[in-house]
Amino acid sequence: MKLRLLVSLLSAVLFAAVIAAGVATRSITASSSNLSAEPSTTPSLVAKKKKPSARKFEFIDEWNGEKLERSDNQWKRILTPSEFYILRRSGTERSYTGRLLYNKREGTYYCAACGLALFHSGAKYDSKTGWPSFYQPISKDRILEIEDRSVPEEVRTEVRCARCGSHLGHVFDDGPPPTGLRYCMNSIALRFRPAK
């Protein structure tokens, strides 16, 4: 009888120990899975977004006609993803979203890729199209005009920087006097420098 009681007591203690061990294992497993599900906040373990390298932007007012050539990888290192998409992939920013659309300060607009001066603020006007518009560039030798058939059933004229070949926007023949032209540019493709 005492032996049976002792065996029952040992069985109960052993059963309780097994249950306790199972609960502890589940608790450890649960917290481990929670840890693996949550991103680590340790800086060395967090995957960092690749940012373009910081660069000193050079404003080029005088240009000798020399071209600037860089590979896509070189451009990716110095341009933001948005700049790369617009300037090197001929993308277009959404209308009425550009930071330079309503800029009315006096100054000069430069290519955001290579820094070449392209437009003066005196030639900027509100075309009501949603993009910064100019009726003429500083000089025709600073831009390239290329036939663009990327939109079905429409032939447009693409505008590129003559120094680096970056896409800036398009030119249309519905602008104001004295030229009758509308150089419709992407804000992302331009850098503005206020007059001194």
Protein backbone atom coordinates (compact mmCIF):
# COMPACT_ATOMS: atom_id res chain seq x y z
CA MET A 1 0.00 0.00 0.00
CA LYS A 2 2.81 2.39 0.95
CA LEU A 3 4.66 1.35 -2.19
CA ARG A 4 1.61 2.10 -4.33
CA LEU A 5 1.25 5.49 -2.71
CA LEU A 6 4.93 6.22 -3.25
CA VAL A 7 4.73 5.19 -6.94
CA SER A 8 1.61 7.36 -7.42
CA LEU A 9 3.31 10.28 -5.75
CA LEU A 10 6.46 9.89 -7.88
CA SER A 11 4.31 9.57 -11.02
CA ALA A 12 2.46 12.77 -10.15
CA VAL A 13 5.73 14.64 -9.52
CA LEU A 14 7.22 13.28 -12.76
CA PHE A 15 4.05 14.20 -14.69
CA ALA A 16 4.12 17.72 -13.23
CA ALA A 17 7.80 18.06 -14.19
CA VAL A 18 7.07 16.95 -17.77
CA ILE A 19 4.17 19.41 -18.03
CA ALA A 20 6.32 22.24 -16.64
CA ALA A 21 9.12 21.42 -19.07
CA GLY A 22 6.63 21.43 -21.98
CA VAL A 23 5.23 24.82 -20.98
CA ALA A 24 8.73 26.27 -20.65
CA THR A 25 9.70 24.87 -24.07
CA ARG A 26 6.58 26.33 -25.68
CA SER A 27 7.23 29.66 -24.01
CA ILE A 28 10.84 29.73 -25.23
CA THR A 29 9.79 28.64 -28.72
CA ALA A 30 7.07 31.30 -28.84
CA SER A 31 9.41 34.06 -27.75
CA SER A 32 12.04 32.86 -30.22
CA SER A 33 9.53 32.92 -33.06
CA ASN A 34 8.42 36.39 -31.98
CA LEU A 35 12.01 37.54 -32.03
CA SER A 36 12.58 36.16 -35.48
CA ALA A 37 9.34 37.69 -36.75
CA GLU A 38 10.26 41.16 -35.48
CA PRO A 39 13.03 43.03 -37.28
CA SER A 40 16.15 43.44 -35.24
CA THR A 41 16.87 46.93 -34.04
CA THR A 42 20.56 46.29 -33.73
CA PRO A 43 22.13 48.63 -36.32
CA SER A 44 24.60 46.05 -37.56
CA LEU A 45 21.81 43.53 -38.25
CA VAL A 46 19.33 45.87 -39.96
CA ALA A 47 19.54 45.82 -43.75
CA LYS A 48 20.33 49.38 -44.75
CA LYS A 49 18.83 50.97 -47.85
CA LYS A 50 21.46 51.79 -50.40
CA LYS A 51 21.64 55.55 -50.75
CA PRO A 52 23.38 57.38 -53.54
CA SER A 53 26.71 58.74 -52.46
CA ALA A 54 26.72 62.34 -51.39
CA ARG A 55 28.15 64.59 -54.04
CA LYS A 56 29.08 68.19 -54.25
CA PHE A 57 26.87 69.68 -56.93
CA GLU A 58 28.76 71.77 -59.46
CA PHE A 59 26.86 74.60 -61.18
CA ILE A 60 28.24 75.08 -64.72
CA ASP A 61 27.43 78.48 -66.22
CA GLU A 62 30.18 78.56 -68.87
CA TRP A 63 30.41 75.47 -71.06
CA ASN A 64 33.03 74.62 -73.68
CA GLY A 65 30.87 72.02 -75.42
CA GLU A 66 32.67 69.02 -73.89
CA LYS A 67 30.33 66.04 -73.33
CA LEU A 68 30.10 64.17 -70.03
CA GLU A 69 29.82 60.40 -70.32
CA ARG A 70 29.04 58.05 -67.44
CA SER A 71 27.80 54.46 -67.24
CA ASP A 72 24.41 53.61 -65.72
CA ASN A 73 26.20 52.28 -62.64
CA GLN A 74 28.06 55.56 -62.20
CA TRP A 75 24.80 57.52 -62.56
CA LYS A 76 23.08 55.22 -60.04
CA ARG A 77 25.78 56.01 -57.50
CA ILE A 78 25.26 59.77 -57.72
CA LEU A 79 21.54 60.17 -58.50
CA THR A 80 18.58 59.36 -56.29
CA PRO A 81 16.24 56.63 -57.62
CA SER A 82 13.73 59.32 -58.70
CA GLU A 83 16.41 61.34 -60.47
CA PHE A 84 17.75 58.23 -62.19
CA TYR A 85 14.23 57.28 -63.37
CA ILE A 86 13.55 60.74 -64.84
CA LEU A 87 16.99 61.72 -66.10
CA ARG A 88 18.38 58.40 -67.31
CA ARG A 89 15.21 56.40 -68.08
CA SER A 90 13.14 59.24 -69.62
CA GLY A 91 10.51 59.04 -66.92
CA THR A 92 7.95 61.75 -66.14
CA GLU A 93 6.96 63.05 -62.73
CA ARG A 94 3.24 63.41 -62.02
CA SER A 95 1.80 66.78 -62.97
CA TYR A 96 1.45 69.39 -60.22
CA THR A 97 3.86 67.53 -57.91
CA GLY A 98 7.20 69.14 -58.84
CA ARG A 99 8.94 71.35 -56.28
CA LEU A 100 9.88 73.94 -58.92
CA LEU A 101 6.44 74.32 -60.50
CA TYR A 102 5.48 77.44 -58.54
CA ASN A 103 8.99 78.82 -58.06
CA LYS A 104 8.94 82.53 -58.93
CA ARG A 105 12.37 83.53 -57.68
CA GLU A 106 14.96 84.99 -60.01
CA GLY A 107 17.80 82.68 -60.88
CA THR A 108 18.98 79.88 -63.14
CA TYR A 109 17.81 76.30 -63.68
CA TYR A 110 20.53 73.66 -64.12
CA CYS A 111 20.58 70.02 -65.24
CA ALA A 112 20.18 67.96 -62.05
CA ALA A 113 22.53 65.30 -63.42
CA CYS A 114 25.56 67.28 -64.63
CA GLY A 115 25.00 70.88 -63.47
CA LEU A 116 24.83 72.61 -66.86
CA ALA A 117 22.89 75.92 -66.84
CA LEU A 118 19.82 75.43 -69.07
CA PHE A 119 17.11 78.04 -68.41
CA HIS A 120 16.85 81.51 -66.87
CA SER A 121 13.93 82.37 -64.63
CA GLY A 122 12.96 85.21 -67.00
CA ALA A 123 11.86 82.61 -69.57
CA LYS A 124 9.71 80.67 -67.08
CA TYR A 125 5.92 81.03 -67.22
CA ASP A 126 2.81 79.31 -65.91
CA SER A 127 1.64 77.05 -68.71
CA LYS A 128 -1.17 75.57 -66.54
CA THR A 129 0.05 72.09 -67.54
CA GLY A 130 1.46 71.02 -64.15
CA TRP A 131 5.16 71.16 -65.03
CA PRO A 132 7.69 74.01 -64.96
CA SER A 133 7.62 75.59 -68.42
CA PHE A 134 9.99 77.92 -70.26
CA TYR A 135 9.64 79.60 -73.64
CA GLN A 136 13.35 79.30 -74.43
CA PRO A 137 16.60 77.78 -73.11
CA ILE A 138 19.69 79.86 -72.29
CA SER A 139 20.97 78.83 -75.72
CA LYS A 140 19.99 76.12 -78.20
CA ASP A 141 23.42 74.48 -77.99
CA ARG A 142 22.72 73.48 -74.36
CA ILE A 143 19.85 71.17 -75.24
CA LEU A 144 19.25 68.32 -77.67
CA GLU A 145 15.87 67.86 -79.33
CA ILE A 146 15.04 64.30 -80.32
CA GLU A 147 11.95 62.85 -82.00
CA ASP A 148 10.00 60.79 -79.46
CA ARG A 149 7.47 58.15 -80.58
CA SER A 150 7.11 56.45 -77.18
CA VAL A 151 3.42 57.40 -76.94
CA PRO A 152 1.32 55.61 -79.58
CA GLU A 153 -0.18 57.87 -82.27
CA GLU A 154 1.72 60.93 -81.02
CA VAL A 155 5.04 62.32 -82.16
CA ARG A 156 6.68 64.52 -79.55
CA THR A 157 10.04 66.24 -79.26
CA GLU A 158 12.10 65.10 -76.31
CA VAL A 159 14.50 67.58 -74.67
CA ARG A 160 17.83 66.32 -73.33
CA CYS A 161 20.80 68.02 -71.75
CA ALA A 162 23.47 68.54 -74.43
CA ARG A 163 26.30 67.95 -71.95
CA CYS A 164 25.27 64.62 -70.39
CA GLY A 165 22.34 63.44 -72.52
CA SER A 166 19.91 63.31 -69.58
CA HIS A 167 16.17 63.51 -70.23
CA LEU A 168 14.64 66.81 -69.11
CA GLY A 169 11.14 66.80 -70.63
CA HIS A 170 9.55 67.76 -73.96
CA VAL A 171 9.08 70.86 -76.09
CA PHE A 172 5.76 71.82 -77.70
CA ASP A 173 4.74 74.57 -80.13
CA ASP A 174 1.93 76.01 -77.98
CA GLY A 175 3.99 78.46 -75.92
CA PRO A 176 3.85 82.24 -75.59
CA PRO A 177 5.69 84.89 -77.62
CA PRO A 178 8.39 85.57 -78.53
CA THR A 179 9.17 81.92 -79.41
CA GLY A 180 5.78 80.22 -79.34
CA LEU A 181 7.48 77.25 -77.64
CA ARG A 182 6.79 75.47 -74.35
CA TYR A 183 9.74 73.65 -72.86
CA CYS A 184 7.83 71.45 -70.43
CA MET A 185 10.41 70.19 -67.90
CA ASN A 186 10.41 67.78 -64.96
CA SER A 187 11.26 69.53 -61.66
CA ILE A 188 13.33 66.50 -60.65
CA ALA A 189 15.48 67.02 -63.75
CA LEU A 190 16.40 70.56 -62.69
CA ARG A 191 18.26 72.30 -59.88
CA PHE A 192 17.50 75.94 -59.16
CA ARG A 193 20.11 78.47 -58.08
CA PRO A 194 18.81 81.87 -56.96
CA ALA A 195 20.34 85.00 -58.43
CA LYS A 196 22.87 86.75 -56.20
